[in-house]
Amino acid sequence: MIRKILAVGVAAIVALAIPAAASAKTLIGSGSVAAQPVFLALFHKYEQKHSNIHFVYTADGGNAGVQDVQSGKSMFAGQARLPLPSDAGTTYIKMYLDGLCMDVNNGNKVSNMSVSKIRNVYLAHTTNWSNVSGSQLNTTIDPVGRDTNGGTYNFFLQAVLNNNPPASNVNALTSDGLVVNAVKQDKNAIGYAGLAWQGSSIKKIKVNGVPCAPKQIKKFKYPLTRYIFTVVPTKHPDKDVLKWVDWARTSHAAGQIINKAGGVAAFNKGF
């Protein structure tokens, strides 16, 4: 399910290819890199249907996006984790399902790792592939993760690390695309990225024996299943943002787009 939108910039402002009409209203969003491929596809279709609306989205990480909403810099944010107390003044709306996939280099023979084994790797309790069943390697593990601007960082912290901070040997990067690229280039690496960022250049492994695949995510069988949210101000959210949210999370057409772009439709009609 390779995604061709492999943006690996730190926080690139992504404007859709269709030029905005002079009279179009611009909806400014920011946040989740994990959500970026799906959100861009949804923006594109919605702009085709509503020539008076144009989107600009800055993929600066879910946590940064929520802060943008709190400060009034953004009208909405994408987020890949559950709300935290620090998110005061915002409202989270579930959009669709995603799986945080665990990835290794194509040269690594490992096919499955337990959550506890992954935890041990990211806490530096396990540092050599010889201690990971099936890897057929005898080299130092190079763990790769997200930086603290990403909601994915917090999700991994909660779902895998039991809220313990990752060890100092974890290479913290600013986007899912950079994580995927690091794993692609390093035979000793392990990393994590959203379902929409998976492709043939890396090897997606099972977690607790369950593949990171739409069918298992839809049924909440994959251990690292999560929701992708849109975050808006609790007071006076923009009405046009809410109209887009309603279309994106409920319409059949949007459900098709979500699934094709690498998400898993959860609320859309017919899915």
C-alpha atoms as a PDB file:
ATOM      1  CA  MET A   1       0.000   0.000   0.000  1.00  0.00           C
ATOM      2  CA  ILE A   2       2.688   2.406  -0.996  1.00  0.00           C
ATOM      3  CA  ARG A   3       1.844   6.066  -0.640  1.00  0.00           C
ATOM      4  CA  LYS A   4       3.403   8.433  -3.118  1.00  0.00           C
ATOM      5  CA  ILE A   5       3.025  11.474  -0.863  1.00  0.00           C
ATOM      6  CA  LEU A   6       6.263  10.713   1.006  1.00  0.00           C
ATOM      7  CA  ALA A   7       6.840  14.193   2.380  1.00  0.00           C
ATOM      8  CA  VAL A   8       9.924  14.086   4.552  1.00  0.00           C
ATOM      9  CA  GLY A   9      10.273  17.783   5.322  1.00  0.00           C
ATOM     10  CA  VAL A  10      10.252  18.966   8.919  1.00  0.00           C
ATOM     11  CA  ALA A  11       7.013  20.938   8.592  1.00  0.00           C
ATOM     12  CA  ALA A  12       6.244  21.600   4.967  1.00  0.00           C
ATOM     13  CA  ILE A  13       3.154  23.639   4.194  1.00  0.00           C
ATOM     14  CA  VAL A  14       1.122  21.482   1.847  1.00  0.00           C
ATOM     15  CA  ALA A  15      -1.177  23.322  -0.545  1.00  0.00           C
ATOM     16  CA  LEU A  16      -3.206  21.201  -2.922  1.00  0.00           C
ATOM     17  CA  ALA A  17      -2.395  21.256  -6.608  1.00  0.00           C
ATOM     18  CA  ILE A  18      -5.733  22.776  -7.604  1.00  0.00           C
ATOM     19  CA  PRO A  19      -5.382  26.582  -7.488  1.00  0.00           C
ATOM     20  CA  ALA A  20      -7.788  28.320  -5.144  1.00  0.00           C
ATOM     21  CA  ALA A  21     -10.355  30.539  -6.801  1.00  0.00           C
ATOM     22  CA  ALA A  22      -9.974  34.205  -6.000  1.00  0.00           C
ATOM     23  CA  SER A  23     -13.130  34.137  -3.894  1.00  0.00           C
ATOM     24  CA  ALA A  24     -12.404  30.812  -2.172  1.00  0.00           C
ATOM     25  CA  LYS A  25     -12.270  30.670   1.610  1.00  0.00           C
ATOM     26  CA  THR A  26      -9.030  29.168   2.924  1.00  0.00           C
ATOM     27  CA  LEU A  27      -9.340  26.629   5.736  1.00  0.00           C
ATOM     28  CA  ILE A  28      -6.025  26.536   7.595  1.00  0.00           C
ATOM     29  CA  GLY A  29      -5.035  23.300   9.297  1.00  0.00           C
ATOM     30  CA  SER A  30      -1.919  21.747  10.778  1.00  0.00           C
ATOM     31  CA  GLY A  31      -0.808  18.763  12.804  1.00  0.00           C
ATOM     32  CA  SER A  32      -0.515  15.026  12.280  1.00  0.00           C
ATOM     33  CA  VAL A  33       1.959  13.699   9.736  1.00  0.00           C
ATOM     34  CA  ALA A  34       0.365  10.239  10.054  1.00  0.00           C
ATOM     35  CA  ALA A  35      -2.935  11.720   8.856  1.00  0.00           C
ATOM     36  CA  GLN A  36      -1.391  13.769   6.064  1.00  0.00           C
ATOM     37  CA  PRO A  37      -1.854  11.374   3.103  1.00  0.00           C
ATOM     38  CA  VAL A  38      -5.516  10.726   3.957  1.00  0.00           C
ATOM     39  CA  PHE A  39      -6.296  14.350   4.782  1.00  0.00           C
ATOM     40  CA  LEU A  40      -4.765  15.567   1.517  1.00  0.00           C
ATOM     41  CA  ALA A  41      -6.876  13.121  -0.469  1.00  0.00           C
ATOM     42  CA  LEU A  42     -10.004  14.261   1.371  1.00  0.00           C
ATOM     43  CA  PHE A  43      -9.126  17.932   0.857  1.00  0.00           C
ATOM     44  CA  HIS A  44      -8.642  17.357  -2.854  1.00  0.00           C
ATOM     45  CA  LYS A  45     -12.036  15.732  -3.335  1.00  0.00           C
ATOM     46  CA  TYR A  46     -13.819  18.306  -1.189  1.00  0.00           C
ATOM     47  CA  GLU A  47     -12.292  21.174  -3.173  1.00  0.00           C
ATOM     48  CA  GLN A  48     -13.555  19.577  -6.357  1.00  0.00           C
ATOM     49  CA  LYS A  49     -17.051  19.502  -4.897  1.00  0.00           C
ATOM     50  CA  HIS A  50     -16.864  22.971  -3.283  1.00  0.00           C
ATOM     51  CA  SER A  51     -15.043  25.510  -5.441  1.00  0.00           C
ATOM     52  CA  ASN A  52     -15.478  28.135  -2.709  1.00  0.00           C
ATOM     53  CA  ILE A  53     -13.253  26.196  -0.269  1.00  0.00           C
ATOM     54  CA  HIS A  54      -9.463  25.815  -0.304  1.00  0.00           C
ATOM     55  CA  PHE A  55      -7.282  23.973   2.227  1.00  0.00           C
ATOM     56  CA  VAL A  56      -3.763  24.647   3.455  1.00  0.00           C
ATOM     57  CA  TYR A  57      -2.281  22.067   5.821  1.00  0.00           C
ATOM     58  CA  THR A  58       1.042  22.249   7.674  1.00  0.00           C
ATOM     59  CA  ALA A  59       2.270  18.795   8.711  1.00  0.00           C
ATOM     60  CA  ASP A  60       4.092  19.925  11.852  1.00  0.00           C
ATOM     61  CA  GLY A  61       3.043  17.029  14.126  1.00  0.00           C
ATOM     62  CA  GLY A  62      -0.174  16.413  16.036  1.00  0.00           C
ATOM     63  CA  ASN A  63       0.965  18.013  19.282  1.00  0.00           C
ATOM     64  CA  ALA A  64       2.182  21.118  17.466  1.00  0.00           C
ATOM     65  CA  GLY A  65      -1.097  21.229  15.536  1.00  0.00           C
ATOM     66  CA  VAL A  66      -3.178  21.217  18.710  1.00  0.00           C
ATOM     67  CA  GLN A  67      -1.068  24.092  20.023  1.00  0.00           C
ATOM     68  CA  ASP A  68      -1.743  25.907  16.740  1.00  0.00           C
ATOM     69  CA  VAL A  69      -5.486  25.509  17.336  1.00  0.00           C
ATOM     70  CA  GLN A  70      -5.152  26.709  20.930  1.00  0.00           C
ATOM     71  CA  SER A  71      -3.272  29.822  19.802  1.00  0.00           C
ATOM     72  CA  GLY A  72      -5.629  30.537  16.897  1.00  0.00           C
ATOM     73  CA  LYS A  73      -2.929  29.931  14.290  1.00  0.00           C
ATOM     74  CA  SER A  74      -4.889  27.001  12.802  1.00  0.00           C
ATOM     75  CA  MET A  75      -8.624  26.454  12.385  1.00  0.00           C
ATOM     76  CA  PHE A  76      -8.241  22.695  12.856  1.00  0.00           C
ATOM     77  CA  ALA A  77      -5.574  20.086  13.500  1.00  0.00           C
ATOM     78  CA  GLY A  78      -4.984  16.442  12.695  1.00  0.00           C
ATOM     79  CA  GLN A  79      -4.072  14.317  15.708  1.00  0.00           C
ATOM     80  CA  ALA A  80      -3.079  10.654  16.171  1.00  0.00           C
ATOM     81  CA  ARG A  81      -3.442  10.309  19.933  1.00  0.00           C
ATOM     82  CA  LEU A  82      -6.137  10.604  22.570  1.00  0.00           C
ATOM     83  CA  PRO A  83      -6.748  13.978  24.283  1.00  0.00           C
ATOM     84  CA  LEU A  84      -4.458  15.076  27.104  1.00  0.00           C
ATOM     85  CA  PRO A  85      -5.096  17.610  29.898  1.00  0.00           C
ATOM     86  CA  SER A  86      -2.796  20.026  28.061  1.00  0.00           C
ATOM     87  CA  ASP A  87      -5.314  20.166  25.179  1.00  0.00           C
ATOM     88  CA  ALA A  88      -7.649  22.498  27.083  1.00  0.00           C
ATOM     89  CA  GLY A  89     -10.002  24.530  24.925  1.00  0.00           C
ATOM     90  CA  THR A  90     -10.115  21.983  22.089  1.00  0.00           C
ATOM     91  CA  THR A  91     -12.580  19.326  20.976  1.00  0.00           C
ATOM     92  CA  TYR A  92     -11.500  16.000  19.445  1.00  0.00           C
ATOM     93  CA  ILE A  93     -13.601  14.434  16.653  1.00  0.00           C
ATOM     94  CA  LYS A  94     -12.917  10.845  15.579  1.00  0.00           C
ATOM     95  CA  MET A  95     -12.360  10.689  11.818  1.00  0.00           C
ATOM     96  CA  TYR A  96     -11.186   7.176  10.917  1.00  0.00           C
ATOM     97  CA  LEU A  97      -9.037   4.294  12.144  1.00  0.00           C
ATOM     98  CA  ASP A  98      -5.314   3.834  11.682  1.00  0.00           C
ATOM     99  CA  GLY A  99      -2.699   1.317  12.722  1.00  0.00           C
ATOM    100  CA  LEU A 100       0.739   2.285  13.969  1.00  0.00           C
ATOM    101  CA  CYS A 101       2.802  -0.266  12.077  1.00  0.00           C
ATOM    102  CA  MET A 102       6.170  -1.598  13.219  1.00  0.00           C
ATOM    103  CA  ASP A 103       8.731  -1.651  10.408  1.00  0.00           C
ATOM    104  CA  VAL A 104      12.134  -3.220   9.865  1.00  0.00           C
ATOM    105  CA  ASN A 105      14.563  -3.234   6.971  1.00  0.00           C
ATOM    106  CA  ASN A 106      13.815  -5.629   4.124  1.00  0.00           C
ATOM    107  CA  GLY A 107      17.028  -7.465   4.952  1.00  0.00           C
ATOM    108  CA  ASN A 108      15.779  -8.386   8.416  1.00  0.00           C
ATOM    109  CA  LYS A 109      14.122 -11.821   8.660  1.00  0.00           C
ATOM    110  CA  VAL A 110      12.061 -11.037  11.768  1.00  0.00           C
ATOM    111  CA  SER A 111       8.325 -11.324  11.067  1.00  0.00           C
ATOM    112  CA  ASN A 112       6.709 -10.822  14.467  1.00  0.00           C
ATOM    113  CA  MET A 113       7.464  -9.074  17.753  1.00  0.00           C
ATOM    114  CA  SER A 114       5.443  -8.845  20.945  1.00  0.00           C
ATOM    115  CA  VAL A 115       4.558  -5.492  22.459  1.00  0.00           C
ATOM    116  CA  SER A 116       6.789  -6.357  25.422  1.00  0.00           C
ATOM    117  CA  LYS A 117       9.747  -7.111  23.148  1.00  0.00           C
ATOM    118  CA  ILE A 118       9.232  -3.827  21.274  1.00  0.00           C
ATOM    119  CA  ARG A 119       9.091  -2.045  24.624  1.00  0.00           C
ATOM    120  CA  ASN A 120      12.382  -3.622  25.658  1.00  0.00           C
ATOM    121  CA  VAL A 121      14.011  -2.451  22.428  1.00  0.00           C
ATOM    122  CA  TYR A 122      12.849   1.153  22.841  1.00  0.00           C
ATOM    123  CA  LEU A 123      13.854   1.218  26.513  1.00  0.00           C
ATOM    124  CA  ALA A 124      17.297  -0.223  25.601  1.00  0.00           C
ATOM    125  CA  HIS A 125      16.745  -3.405  27.602  1.00  0.00           C
ATOM    126  CA  THR A 126      17.225  -5.331  24.355  1.00  0.00           C
ATOM    127  CA  THR A 127      19.976  -3.852  22.180  1.00  0.00           C
ATOM    128  CA  ASN A 128      21.078  -6.670  19.846  1.00  0.00           C
ATOM    129  CA  TRP A 129      19.087  -8.416  17.139  1.00  0.00           C
ATOM    130  CA  SER A 130      20.465 -11.754  18.320  1.00  0.00           C
ATOM    131  CA  ASN A 131      17.996 -11.434  21.200  1.00  0.00           C
ATOM    132  CA  VAL A 132      15.027 -11.029  18.845  1.00  0.00           C
ATOM    133  CA  SER A 133      13.624 -14.294  17.562  1.00  0.00           C
ATOM    134  CA  GLY A 134      13.753 -14.703  13.785  1.00  0.00           C
ATOM    135  CA  SER A 135      15.952 -11.747  12.902  1.00  0.00           C
ATOM    136  CA  GLN A 136      18.957 -13.871  11.870  1.00  0.00           C
ATOM    137  CA  LEU A 137      21.129 -10.861  12.729  1.00  0.00           C
ATOM    138  CA  ASN A 138      23.843 -10.425  15.330  1.00  0.00           C
ATOM    139  CA  THR A 139      24.137  -6.655  15.234  1.00  0.00           C
ATOM    140  CA  THR A 140      23.171  -3.676  17.373  1.00  0.00           C
ATOM    141  CA  ILE A 141      19.539  -2.601  17.016  1.00  0.00           C
ATOM    142  CA  ASP A 142      19.020   0.950  15.745  1.00  0.00           C
ATOM    143  CA  PRO A 143      15.583   2.051  17.009  1.00  0.00           C
ATOM    144  CA  VAL A 144      13.906   4.978  15.258  1.00  0.00           C
ATOM    145  CA  GLY A 145      10.914   6.942  16.519  1.00  0.00           C
ATOM    146  CA  ARG A 146       9.075  10.251  16.384  1.00  0.00           C
ATOM    147  CA  ASP A 147       9.933  13.515  18.104  1.00  0.00           C
ATOM    148  CA  THR A 148       7.734  15.017  20.808  1.00  0.00           C
ATOM    149  CA  ASN A 149       5.893  17.314  18.363  1.00  0.00           C
ATOM    150  CA  GLY A 150       4.091  14.265  16.993  1.00  0.00           C
ATOM    151  CA  GLY A 151       0.973  12.811  18.571  1.00  0.00           C
ATOM    152  CA  THR A 152       2.347   9.471  17.408  1.00  0.00           C
ATOM    153  CA  TYR A 153       5.129   9.933  19.968  1.00  0.00           C
ATOM    154  CA  ASN A 154       2.550  10.079  22.770  1.00  0.00           C
ATOM    155  CA  PHE A 155       0.548   7.192  21.343  1.00  0.00           C
ATOM    156  CA  PHE A 156       3.663   5.000  21.283  1.00  0.00           C
ATOM    157  CA  LEU A 157       4.570   6.167  24.771  1.00  0.00           C
ATOM    158  CA  GLN A 158       1.143   5.079  26.088  1.00  0.00           C
ATOM    159  CA  ALA A 159       0.480   1.978  23.994  1.00  0.00           C
ATOM    160  CA  VAL A 160       3.966   0.435  24.059  1.00  0.00           C
ATOM    161  CA  LEU A 161       6.239   2.082  26.626  1.00  0.00           C
ATOM    162  CA  ASN A 162       3.788   2.285  29.555  1.00  0.00           C
ATOM    163  CA  ASN A 163       4.477   6.041  29.652  1.00  0.00           C
ATOM    164  CA  ASN A 164       8.212   5.565  30.154  1.00  0.00           C
ATOM    165  CA  PRO A 165      10.386   7.859  28.002  1.00  0.00           C
ATOM    166  CA  PRO A 166      12.294   6.162  25.176  1.00  0.00           C
ATOM    167  CA  ALA A 167      15.969   5.422  25.713  1.00  0.00           C
ATOM    168  CA  SER A 168      18.667   7.819  24.559  1.00  0.00           C
ATOM    169  CA  ASN A 169      19.646   5.516  21.679  1.00  0.00           C
ATOM    170  CA  VAL A 170      16.293   6.070  19.921  1.00  0.00           C
ATOM    171  CA  ASN A 171      16.703   8.303  16.870  1.00  0.00           C
ATOM    172  CA  ALA A 172      13.784  10.782  17.140  1.00  0.00           C
ATOM    173  CA  LEU A 173      12.683  12.129  13.745  1.00  0.00           C
ATOM    174  CA  THR A 174      10.140  14.743  12.731  1.00  0.00           C
ATOM    175  CA  SER A 175       7.898  12.763  10.365  1.00  0.00           C
ATOM    176  CA  ASP A 176       6.679   9.300   9.467  1.00  0.00           C
ATOM    177  CA  GLY A 177       8.362   9.703   6.086  1.00  0.00           C
ATOM    178  CA  LEU A 178      11.747  10.249   7.692  1.00  0.00           C
ATOM    179  CA  VAL A 179      11.232   7.198   9.920  1.00  0.00           C
ATOM    180  CA  VAL A 180      10.385   5.046   6.898  1.00  0.00           C
ATOM    181  CA  ASN A 181      13.432   6.358   5.036  1.00  0.00           C
ATOM    182  CA  ALA A 182      15.728   5.661   7.995  1.00  0.00           C
ATOM    183  CA  VAL A 183      14.492   2.061   8.238  1.00  0.00           C
ATOM    184  CA  LYS A 184      14.876   1.628   4.483  1.00  0.00           C
ATOM    185  CA  GLN A 185      18.528   2.685   4.598  1.00  0.00           C
ATOM    186  CA  ASP A 186      19.644   0.833   7.744  1.00  0.00           C
ATOM    187  CA  LYS A 187      19.519  -2.981   7.919  1.00  0.00           C
ATOM    188  CA  ASN A 188      19.678  -2.800  11.728  1.00  0.00           C
ATOM    189  CA  ALA A 189      16.838  -0.314  12.167  1.00  0.00           C
ATOM    190  CA  ILE A 190      13.336  -0.701  13.561  1.00  0.00           C
ATOM    191  CA  GLY A 191      10.763   2.068  13.408  1.00  0.00           C
ATOM    192  CA  TYR A 192       7.072   2.870  13.505  1.00  0.00           C
ATOM    193  CA  ALA A 193       4.810   4.738  11.101  1.00  0.00           C
ATOM    194  CA  GLY A 194       1.130   5.037  10.253  1.00  0.00           C
ATOM    195  CA  LEU A 195      -0.600   2.628   7.877  1.00  0.00           C
ATOM    196  CA  ALA A 196      -0.740   5.212   5.077  1.00  0.00           C
ATOM    197  CA  TRP A 197       3.069   5.429   5.026  1.00  0.00           C
ATOM    198  CA  GLN A 198       3.759   1.743   4.448  1.00  0.00           C
ATOM    199  CA  GLY A 199       5.327   0.499   1.222  1.00  0.00           C
ATOM    200  CA  SER A 200       7.577  -2.055  -0.421  1.00  0.00           C
ATOM    201  CA  SER A 201      10.773  -0.249   0.613  1.00  0.00           C
ATOM    202  CA  ILE A 202      10.343  -1.481   4.201  1.00  0.00           C
ATOM    203  CA  LYS A 203       9.038  -4.611   5.918  1.00  0.00           C
ATOM    204  CA  LYS A 204       5.923  -4.364   8.064  1.00  0.00           C
ATOM    205  CA  ILE A 205       5.958  -6.961  10.853  1.00  0.00           C
ATOM    206  CA  LYS A 206       3.219  -8.485  12.986  1.00  0.00           C
ATOM    207  CA  VAL A 207       2.710  -7.332  16.559  1.00  0.00           C
ATOM    208  CA  ASN A 208       1.612 -10.036  19.011  1.00  0.00           C
ATOM    209  CA  GLY A 209       1.082 -12.224  15.944  1.00  0.00           C
ATOM    210  CA  VAL A 210      -1.398  -9.830  14.303  1.00  0.00           C
ATOM    211  CA  PRO A 211      -0.614  -7.986  11.048  1.00  0.00           C
ATOM    212  CA  CYS A 212      -0.967  -4.227  10.730  1.00  0.00           C
ATOM    213  CA  ALA A 213      -3.664  -4.529   8.085  1.00  0.00           C
ATOM    214  CA  PRO A 214      -7.059  -2.851   7.482  1.00  0.00           C
ATOM    215  CA  LYS A 215      -9.131  -5.932   8.344  1.00  0.00           C
ATOM    216  CA  GLN A 216      -7.469  -6.383  11.734  1.00  0.00           C
ATOM    217  CA  ILE A 217      -7.494  -2.639  12.428  1.00  0.00           C
ATOM    218  CA  LYS A 218     -11.202  -2.404  11.622  1.00  0.00           C
ATOM    219  CA  LYS A 219     -11.926  -5.108  14.218  1.00  0.00           C
ATOM    220  CA  PHE A 220      -9.498  -3.624  16.776  1.00  0.00           C
ATOM    221  CA  LYS A 221      -7.508  -6.878  16.748  1.00  0.00           C
ATOM    222  CA  TYR A 222      -4.212  -5.201  15.864  1.00  0.00           C
ATOM    223  CA  PRO A 223      -2.671  -4.088  19.202  1.00  0.00           C
ATOM    224  CA  LEU A 224      -1.594  -0.648  17.974  1.00  0.00           C
ATOM    225  CA  THR A 225      -4.921   0.380  16.453  1.00  0.00           C
ATOM    226  CA  ARG A 226      -5.859   4.012  17.020  1.00  0.00           C
ATOM    227  CA  TYR A 227      -8.200   6.743  15.840  1.00  0.00           C
ATOM    228  CA  ILE A 228      -7.138   9.715  13.780  1.00  0.00           C
ATOM    229  CA  PHE A 229      -8.871  12.857  15.051  1.00  0.00           C
ATOM    230  CA  THR A 230      -9.664  16.313  13.799  1.00  0.00           C
ATOM    231  CA  VAL A 231      -9.197  18.854  16.592  1.00  0.00           C
ATOM    232  CA  VAL A 232     -11.142  22.128  16.589  1.00  0.00           C
ATOM    233  CA  PRO A 233     -11.575  24.957  19.095  1.00  0.00           C
ATOM    234  CA  THR A 234     -14.289  24.152  21.600  1.00  0.00           C
ATOM    235  CA  LYS A 235     -15.576  27.715  21.355  1.00  0.00           C
ATOM    236  CA  HIS A 236     -16.658  29.023  17.960  1.00  0.00           C
ATOM    237  CA  PRO A 237     -15.237  26.341  15.624  1.00  0.00           C
ATOM    238  CA  ASP A 238     -15.362  27.361  11.991  1.00  0.00           C
ATOM    239  CA  LYS A 239     -18.626  26.209  10.415  1.00  0.00           C
ATOM    240  CA  ASP A 240     -16.982  25.315   7.100  1.00  0.00           C
ATOM    241  CA  VAL A 241     -14.404  23.161   8.870  1.00  0.00           C
ATOM    242  CA  LEU A 242     -17.263  21.339  10.626  1.00  0.00           C
ATOM    243  CA  LYS A 243     -19.043  20.813   7.299  1.00  0.00           C
ATOM    244  CA  TRP A 244     -15.893  19.213   5.887  1.00  0.00           C
ATOM    245  CA  VAL A 245     -15.502  17.051   8.999  1.00  0.00           C
ATOM    246  CA  ASP A 246     -19.097  15.826   8.716  1.00  0.00           C
ATOM    247  CA  TRP A 247     -18.662  14.949   5.041  1.00  0.00           C
ATOM    248  CA  ALA A 248     -15.251  13.311   5.588  1.00  0.00           C
ATOM    249  CA  ARG A 249     -16.354  11.055   8.453  1.00  0.00           C
ATOM    250  CA  THR A 250     -19.846  10.080   7.260  1.00  0.00           C
ATOM    251  CA  SER A 251     -20.196  10.090   3.466  1.00  0.00           C
ATOM    252  CA  HIS A 252     -19.704   6.948   1.388  1.00  0.00           C
ATOM    253  CA  ALA A 253     -17.512   8.817  -1.107  1.00  0.00           C
ATOM    254  CA  ALA A 254     -15.190   9.974   1.666  1.00  0.00           C
ATOM    255  CA  GLY A 255     -15.024   6.427   3.048  1.00  0.00           C
ATOM    256  CA  GLN A 256     -13.748   5.203  -0.304  1.00  0.00           C
ATOM    257  CA  ILE A 257     -11.105   7.952  -0.305  1.00  0.00           C
ATOM    258  CA  ILE A 258     -10.020   7.146   3.257  1.00  0.00           C
ATOM    259  CA  ASN A 259      -9.507   3.462   2.475  1.00  0.00           C
ATOM    260  CA  LYS A 260      -7.711   4.136  -0.803  1.00  0.00           C
ATOM    261  CA  ALA A 261      -5.367   6.687   0.809  1.00  0.00           C
ATOM    262  CA  GLY A 262      -4.309   4.330   3.593  1.00  0.00           C
ATOM    263  CA  GLY A 263      -6.792   4.858   6.406  1.00  0.00           C
ATOM    264  CA  VAL A 264      -9.605   2.593   7.589  1.00  0.00           C
ATOM    265  CA  ALA A 265     -13.088   4.111   7.326  1.00  0.00           C
ATOM    266  CA  ALA A 266     -14.939   3.730  10.635  1.00  0.00           C
ATOM    267  CA  PHE A 267     -18.093   5.875  10.478  1.00  0.00           C
ATOM    268  CA  ASN A 268     -18.753   6.353   6.776  1.00  0.00           C
ATOM    269  CA  LYS A 269     -21.963   5.073   5.229  1.00  0.00           C
ATOM    270  CA  GLY A 270     -21.520   1.603   3.750  1.00  0.00           C
ATOM    271  CA  PHE A 271     -18.290   0.833   5.650  1.00  0.00           C
END
